[in-house]
PDB file of N, CA and C in Angstrom:
ATOM      1  N   MET A   1     -21.274  70.154   7.999  1.00  0.00           N
ATOM      2  CA  MET A   1     -20.360  71.048   8.675  1.00  0.00           C
ATOM      3  C   MET A   1     -20.767  71.156  10.145  1.00  0.00           C
ATOM      4  N   ILE A   2     -19.785  71.089  11.012  1.00  0.00           N
ATOM      5  CA  ILE A   2     -20.016  71.240  12.446  1.00  0.00           C
ATOM      6  C   ILE A   2     -20.086  72.722  12.784  1.00  0.00           C
ATOM      7  N   GLN A   3     -21.052  73.086  13.606  1.00  0.00           N
ATOM      8  CA  GLN A   3     -21.196  74.479  14.047  1.00  0.00           C
ATOM      9  C   GLN A   3     -21.229  74.534  15.563  1.00  0.00           C
ATOM     10  N   HIS A   4     -20.852  75.677  16.101  1.00  0.00           N
ATOM     11  CA  HIS A   4     -20.893  75.956  17.544  1.00  0.00           C
ATOM     12  C   HIS A   4     -20.177  74.869  18.343  1.00  0.00           C
ATOM     13  N   PHE A   5     -18.962  74.565  17.929  1.00  0.00           N
ATOM     14  CA  PHE A   5     -18.152  73.530  18.584  1.00  0.00           C
ATOM     15  C   PHE A   5     -17.625  74.055  19.918  1.00  0.00           C
ATOM     16  N   ASN A   6     -17.856  73.300  20.976  1.00  0.00           N
ATOM     17  CA  ASN A   6     -17.349  73.648  22.308  1.00  0.00           C
ATOM     18  C   ASN A   6     -16.710  72.424  22.938  1.00  0.00           C
ATOM     19  N   PHE A   7     -15.698  72.658  23.761  1.00  0.00           N
ATOM     20  CA  PHE A   7     -15.092  71.555  24.510  1.00  0.00           C
ATOM     21  C   PHE A   7     -14.705  72.067  25.884  1.00  0.00           C
ATOM     22  N   LYS A   8     -14.712  71.146  26.848  1.00  0.00           N
ATOM     23  CA  LYS A   8     -14.265  71.485  28.197  1.00  0.00           C
ATOM     24  C   LYS A   8     -13.632  70.240  28.799  1.00  0.00           C
ATOM     25  N   PRO A   9     -12.694  70.416  29.704  1.00  0.00           N
ATOM     26  CA  PRO A   9     -12.019  69.267  30.312  1.00  0.00           C
ATOM     27  C   PRO A   9     -13.002  68.416  31.124  1.00  0.00           C
ATOM     28  N   MET A  10     -12.761  67.121  31.130  1.00  0.00           N
ATOM     29  CA  MET A  10     -13.581  66.201  31.934  1.00  0.00           C
ATOM     30  C   MET A  10     -13.230  66.298  33.417  1.00  0.00           C
ATOM     31  N   PHE A  11     -11.990  66.661  33.687  1.00  0.00           N
ATOM     32  CA  PHE A  11     -11.478  66.631  35.059  1.00  0.00           C
ATOM     33  C   PHE A  11     -11.058  68.024  35.503  1.00  0.00           C
ATOM     34  N   GLU A  12     -11.176  68.267  36.797  1.00  0.00           N
ATOM     35  CA  GLU A  12     -10.768  69.576  37.329  1.00  0.00           C
ATOM     36  C   GLU A  12      -9.276  69.803  37.127  1.00  0.00           C
ATOM     37  N   ASN A  13      -8.485  68.753  37.291  1.00  0.00           N
ATOM     38  CA  ASN A  13      -7.057  68.841  37.028  1.00  0.00           C
ATOM     39  C   ASN A  13      -6.872  68.828  35.523  1.00  0.00           C
ATOM     40  N   THR A  14      -6.648  69.968  34.936  1.00  0.00           N
ATOM     41  CA  THR A  14      -6.612  70.090  33.480  1.00  0.00           C
ATOM     42  C   THR A  14      -5.407  69.382  32.875  1.00  0.00           C
ATOM     43  N   GLN A  15      -4.498  68.861  33.693  1.00  0.00           N
ATOM     44  CA  GLN A  15      -3.371  68.092  33.158  1.00  0.00           C
ATOM     45  C   GLN A  15      -3.810  66.698  32.716  1.00  0.00           C
ATOM     46  N   LEU A  16      -4.936  66.216  33.236  1.00  0.00           N
ATOM     47  CA  LEU A  16      -5.473  64.923  32.836  1.00  0.00           C
ATOM     48  C   LEU A  16      -6.223  65.078  31.523  1.00  0.00           C
ATOM     49  N   PRO A  17      -5.884  64.275  30.536  1.00  0.00           N
ATOM     50  CA  PRO A  17      -6.571  64.401  29.243  1.00  0.00           C
ATOM     51  C   PRO A  17      -7.971  63.785  29.255  1.00  0.00           C
ATOM     52  N   GLY A  18      -8.844  64.351  28.485  1.00  0.00           N
ATOM     53  CA  GLY A  18     -10.233  63.920  28.359  1.00  0.00           C
ATOM     54  C   GLY A  18     -11.115  65.143  28.309  1.00  0.00           C
ATOM     55  N   TRP A  19     -12.034  65.192  27.367  1.00  0.00           N
ATOM     56  CA  TRP A  19     -12.854  66.375  27.174  1.00  0.00           C
ATOM     57  C   TRP A  19     -14.290  65.991  26.864  1.00  0.00           C
ATOM     58  N   TYR A  20     -15.194  66.865  27.240  1.00  0.00           N
ATOM     59  CA  TYR A  20     -16.578  66.802  26.777  1.00  0.00           C
ATOM     60  C   TYR A  20     -16.673  67.750  25.589  1.00  0.00           C
ATOM     61  N   VAL A  21     -17.269  67.304  24.520  1.00  0.00           N
ATOM     62  CA  VAL A  21     -17.454  68.161  23.354  1.00  0.00           C
ATOM     63  C   VAL A  21     -18.947  68.246  23.034  1.00  0.00           C
ATOM     64  N   SER A  22     -19.338  69.389  22.523  1.00  0.00           N
ATOM     65  CA  SER A  22     -20.721  69.556  22.068  1.00  0.00           C
ATOM     66  C   SER A  22     -20.691  70.407  20.800  1.00  0.00           C
ATOM     67  N   PHE A  23     -21.657  70.171  19.938  1.00  0.00           N
ATOM     68  CA  PHE A  23     -21.709  70.872  18.660  1.00  0.00           C
ATOM     69  C   PHE A  23     -23.050  70.615  17.992  1.00  0.00           C
ATOM     70  N   PHE A  24     -23.303  71.386  16.950  1.00  0.00           N
ATOM     71  CA  PHE A  24     -24.485  71.186  16.107  1.00  0.00           C
ATOM     72  C   PHE A  24     -24.004  70.630  14.768  1.00  0.00           C
ATOM     73  N   TYR A  25     -24.752  69.662  14.259  1.00  0.00           N
ATOM     74  CA  TYR A  25     -24.463  69.082  12.951  1.00  0.00           C
ATOM     75  C   TYR A  25     -25.806  68.771  12.300  1.00  0.00           C
ATOM     76  N   LYS A  26     -26.024  69.341  11.132  1.00  0.00           N
ATOM     77  CA  LYS A  26     -27.297  69.207  10.418  1.00  0.00           C
ATOM     78  C   LYS A  26     -28.483  69.550  11.320  1.00  0.00           C
ATOM     79  N   GLN A  27     -28.364  70.664  11.987  1.00  0.00           N
ATOM     80  CA  GLN A  27     -29.402  71.239  12.856  1.00  0.00           C
ATOM     81  C   GLN A  27     -29.768  70.334  14.029  1.00  0.00           C
ATOM     82  N   GLN A  28     -28.862  69.446  14.420  1.00  0.00           N
ATOM     83  CA  GLN A  28     -29.081  68.556  15.556  1.00  0.00           C
ATOM     84  C   GLN A  28     -27.920  68.758  16.541  1.00  0.00           C
ATOM     85  N   ARG A  29     -28.220  68.836  17.824  1.00  0.00           N
ATOM     86  CA  ARG A  29     -27.178  69.019  18.832  1.00  0.00           C
ATOM     87  C   ARG A  29     -26.650  67.653  19.256  1.00  0.00           C
ATOM     88  N   TYR A  30     -25.333  67.566  19.381  1.00  0.00           N
ATOM     89  CA  TYR A  30     -24.673  66.333  19.811  1.00  0.00           C
ATOM     90  C   TYR A  30     -23.715  66.645  20.947  1.00  0.00           C
ATOM     91  N   GLU A  31     -23.584  65.671  21.834  1.00  0.00           N
ATOM     92  CA  GLU A  31     -22.608  65.737  22.920  1.00  0.00           C
ATOM     93  C   GLU A  31     -21.836  64.438  22.913  1.00  0.00           C
ATOM     94  N   ALA A  32     -20.542  64.533  23.214  1.00  0.00           N
ATOM     95  CA  ALA A  32     -19.699  63.344  23.197  1.00  0.00           C
ATOM     96  C   ALA A  32     -18.562  63.490  24.194  1.00  0.00           C
ATOM     97  N   GLU A  33     -17.951  62.366  24.513  1.00  0.00           N
ATOM     98  CA  GLU A  33     -16.730  62.353  25.303  1.00  0.00           C
ATOM     99  C   GLU A  33     -15.571  62.071  24.351  1.00  0.00           C
ATOM    100  N   TYR A  34     -14.523  62.850  24.497  1.00  0.00           N
ATOM    101  CA  TYR A  34     -13.323  62.677  23.678  1.00  0.00           C
ATOM    102  C   TYR A  34     -12.218  62.223  24.613  1.00  0.00           C
ATOM    103  N   ALA A  35     -11.813  60.964  24.501  1.00  0.00           N
ATOM    104  CA  ALA A  35     -10.821  60.372  25.393  1.00  0.00           C
ATOM    105  C   ALA A  35      -9.401  60.710  24.955  1.00  0.00           C
ATOM    106  N   LYS A  36      -8.450  60.479  25.851  1.00  0.00           N
ATOM    107  CA  LYS A  36      -7.053  60.819  25.557  1.00  0.00           C
ATOM    108  C   LYS A  36      -6.489  60.035  24.383  1.00  0.00           C
ATOM    109  N   ASP A  37      -7.051  58.854  24.090  1.00  0.00           N
ATOM    110  CA  ASP A  37      -6.568  58.079  22.944  1.00  0.00           C
ATOM    111  C   ASP A  37      -7.284  58.426  21.643  1.00  0.00           C
ATOM    112  N   GLY A  38      -8.143  59.451  21.679  1.00  0.00           N
ATOM    113  CA  GLY A  38      -8.854  59.897  20.482  1.00  0.00           C
ATOM    114  C   GLY A  38     -10.189  59.218  20.270  1.00  0.00           C
ATOM    115  N   THR A  39     -10.564  58.342  21.179  1.00  0.00           N
ATOM    116  CA  THR A  39     -11.863  57.673  21.081  1.00  0.00           C
ATOM    117  C   THR A  39     -12.972  58.669  21.354  1.00  0.00           C
ATOM    118  N   ILE A  40     -14.004  58.632  20.527  1.00  0.00           N
ATOM    119  CA  ILE A  40     -15.153  59.521  20.697  1.00  0.00           C
ATOM    120  C   ILE A  40     -16.361  58.654  20.988  1.00  0.00           C
ATOM    121  N   ARG A  41     -17.044  58.966  22.106  1.00  0.00           N
ATOM    122  CA  ARG A  41     -18.250  58.229  22.473  1.00  0.00           C
ATOM    123  C   ARG A  41     -19.392  59.231  22.581  1.00  0.00           C
ATOM    124  N   PHE A  42     -20.380  59.077  21.726  1.00  0.00           N
ATOM    125  CA  PHE A  42     -21.533  59.976  21.750  1.00  0.00           C
ATOM    126  C   PHE A  42     -22.385  59.661  22.965  1.00  0.00           C
ATOM    127  N   LEU A  43     -22.854  60.696  23.639  1.00  0.00           N
ATOM    128  CA  LEU A  43     -23.627  60.517  24.867  1.00  0.00           C
ATOM    129  C   LEU A  43     -25.099  60.238  24.603  1.00  0.00           C
ATOM    130  N   GLN A  44     -25.596  60.632  23.447  1.00  0.00           N
ATOM    131  CA  GLN A  44     -26.953  60.294  23.022  1.00  0.00           C
ATOM    132  C   GLN A  44     -26.840  59.540  21.711  1.00  0.00           C
ATOM    133  N   ASN A  45     -27.750  59.770  20.822  1.00  0.00           N
ATOM    134  CA  ASN A  45     -27.698  59.144  19.504  1.00  0.00           C
ATOM    135  C   ASN A  45     -26.537  59.695  18.690  1.00  0.00           C
ATOM    136  N   ALA A  46     -25.906  58.820  17.955  1.00  0.00           N
ATOM    137  CA  ALA A  46     -24.824  59.230  17.063  1.00  0.00           C
ATOM    138  C   ALA A  46     -25.423  59.647  15.726  1.00  0.00           C
ATOM    139  N   PRO A  47     -24.761  60.553  15.007  1.00  0.00           N
ATOM    140  CA  PRO A  47     -25.256  60.940  13.682  1.00  0.00           C
ATOM    141  C   PRO A  47     -25.191  59.763  12.705  1.00  0.00           C
ATOM    142  N   GLU A  48     -26.001  59.837  11.655  1.00  0.00           N
ATOM    143  CA  GLU A  48     -26.021  58.768  10.649  1.00  0.00           C
ATOM    144  C   GLU A  48     -24.665  58.549  10.008  1.00  0.00           C
ATOM    145  N   ASP A  49     -23.981  59.633   9.696  1.00  0.00           N
ATOM    146  CA  ASP A  49     -22.643  59.549   9.106  1.00  0.00           C
ATOM    147  C   ASP A  49     -21.595  59.755  10.202  1.00  0.00           C
ATOM    148  N   GLU A  50     -21.616  58.834  11.152  1.00  0.00           N
ATOM    149  CA  GLU A  50     -20.815  58.942  12.378  1.00  0.00           C
ATOM    150  C   GLU A  50     -19.322  59.090  12.108  1.00  0.00           C
ATOM    151  N   GLN A  51     -18.768  58.295  11.226  1.00  0.00           N
ATOM    152  CA  GLN A  51     -17.325  58.352  10.986  1.00  0.00           C
ATOM    153  C   GLN A  51     -16.922  59.703  10.403  1.00  0.00           C
ATOM    154  N   LYS A  52     -17.716  60.256   9.525  1.00  0.00           N
ATOM    155  CA  LYS A  52     -17.431  61.573   8.942  1.00  0.00           C
ATOM    156  C   LYS A  52     -17.412  62.641  10.050  1.00  0.00           C
ATOM    157  N   VAL A  53     -18.375  62.570  10.953  1.00  0.00           N
ATOM    158  CA  VAL A  53     -18.445  63.533  12.050  1.00  0.00           C
ATOM    159  C   VAL A  53     -17.262  63.352  12.996  1.00  0.00           C
ATOM    160  N   LYS A  54     -16.909  62.113  13.298  1.00  0.00           N
ATOM    161  CA  LYS A  54     -15.740  61.860  14.158  1.00  0.00           C
ATOM    162  C   LYS A  54     -14.479  62.445  13.538  1.00  0.00           C
ATOM    163  N   ASP A  55     -14.323  62.304  12.241  1.00  0.00           N
ATOM    164  CA  ASP A  55     -13.148  62.868  11.566  1.00  0.00           C
ATOM    165  C   ASP A  55     -13.106  64.386  11.714  1.00  0.00           C
ATOM    166  N   MET A  56     -14.273  65.038  11.595  1.00  0.00           N
ATOM    167  CA  MET A  56     -14.329  66.499  11.761  1.00  0.00           C
ATOM    168  C   MET A  56     -14.008  66.893  13.199  1.00  0.00           C
ATOM    169  N   VAL A  57     -14.500  66.130  14.175  1.00  0.00           N
ATOM    170  CA  VAL A  57     -14.212  66.417  15.580  1.00  0.00           C
ATOM    171  C   VAL A  57     -12.717  66.259  15.846  1.00  0.00           C
ATOM    172  N   HIS A  58     -12.092  65.212  15.312  1.00  0.00           N
ATOM    173  CA  HIS A  58     -10.638  65.028  15.473  1.00  0.00           C
ATOM    174  C   HIS A  58      -9.891  66.233  14.939  1.00  0.00           C
ATOM    175  N   GLU A  59     -10.262  66.715  13.772  1.00  0.00           N
ATOM    176  CA  GLU A  59      -9.590  67.895  13.202  1.00  0.00           C
ATOM    177  C   GLU A  59      -9.731  69.105  14.111  1.00  0.00           C
ATOM    178  N   LEU A  60     -10.937  69.327  14.617  1.00  0.00           N
ATOM    179  CA  LEU A  60     -11.151  70.475  15.496  1.00  0.00           C
ATOM    180  C   LEU A  60     -10.367  70.347  16.801  1.00  0.00           C
ATOM    181  N   MET A  61     -10.312  69.152  17.358  1.00  0.00           N
ATOM    182  CA  MET A  61      -9.567  68.951  18.600  1.00  0.00           C
ATOM    183  C   MET A  61      -8.069  69.145  18.356  1.00  0.00           C
ATOM    184  N   LEU A  62      -7.566  68.674  17.235  1.00  0.00           N
ATOM    185  CA  LEU A  62      -6.159  68.903  16.916  1.00  0.00           C
ATOM    186  C   LEU A  62      -5.857  70.388  16.815  1.00  0.00           C
ATOM    187  N   PHE A  63      -6.753  71.132  16.229  1.00  0.00           N
ATOM    188  CA  PHE A  63      -6.558  72.568  16.058  1.00  0.00           C
ATOM    189  C   PHE A  63      -6.658  73.313  17.386  1.00  0.00           C
ATOM    190  N   HIS A  64      -7.665  72.988  18.216  1.00  0.00           N
ATOM    191  CA  HIS A  64      -7.922  73.754  19.427  1.00  0.00           C
ATOM    192  C   HIS A  64      -7.136  73.283  20.644  1.00  0.00           C
ATOM    193  N   VAL A  65      -6.905  72.004  20.774  1.00  0.00           N
ATOM    194  CA  VAL A  65      -6.286  71.477  21.996  1.00  0.00           C
ATOM    195  C   VAL A  65      -4.811  71.200  21.810  1.00  0.00           C
ATOM    196  N   TYR A  66      -4.463  70.569  20.727  1.00  0.00           N
ATOM    197  CA  TYR A  66      -3.092  70.089  20.579  1.00  0.00           C
ATOM    198  C   TYR A  66      -2.191  71.045  19.807  1.00  0.00           C
ATOM    199  N   ASP A  67      -2.712  72.141  19.298  1.00  0.00           N
ATOM    200  CA  ASP A  67      -1.888  73.082  18.547  1.00  0.00           C
ATOM    201  C   ASP A  67      -1.176  74.040  19.457  1.00  0.00           C
TER     202      ASP A  67
END
């Protein structure tokens, strides 16, 4: 389960899509870039179950940004 999920725009012009996301997963902090096409690039090490985490991040972004 992802905890303490945060996101902020990459660009000052908030009309441009792209976000920095950060969260805790299994007591480890992760930071990633979330591109306008839904691509997620982890800025440090990716979690072992990377695809599962990406799916959870997509759900959270759909709920918080696109809803």
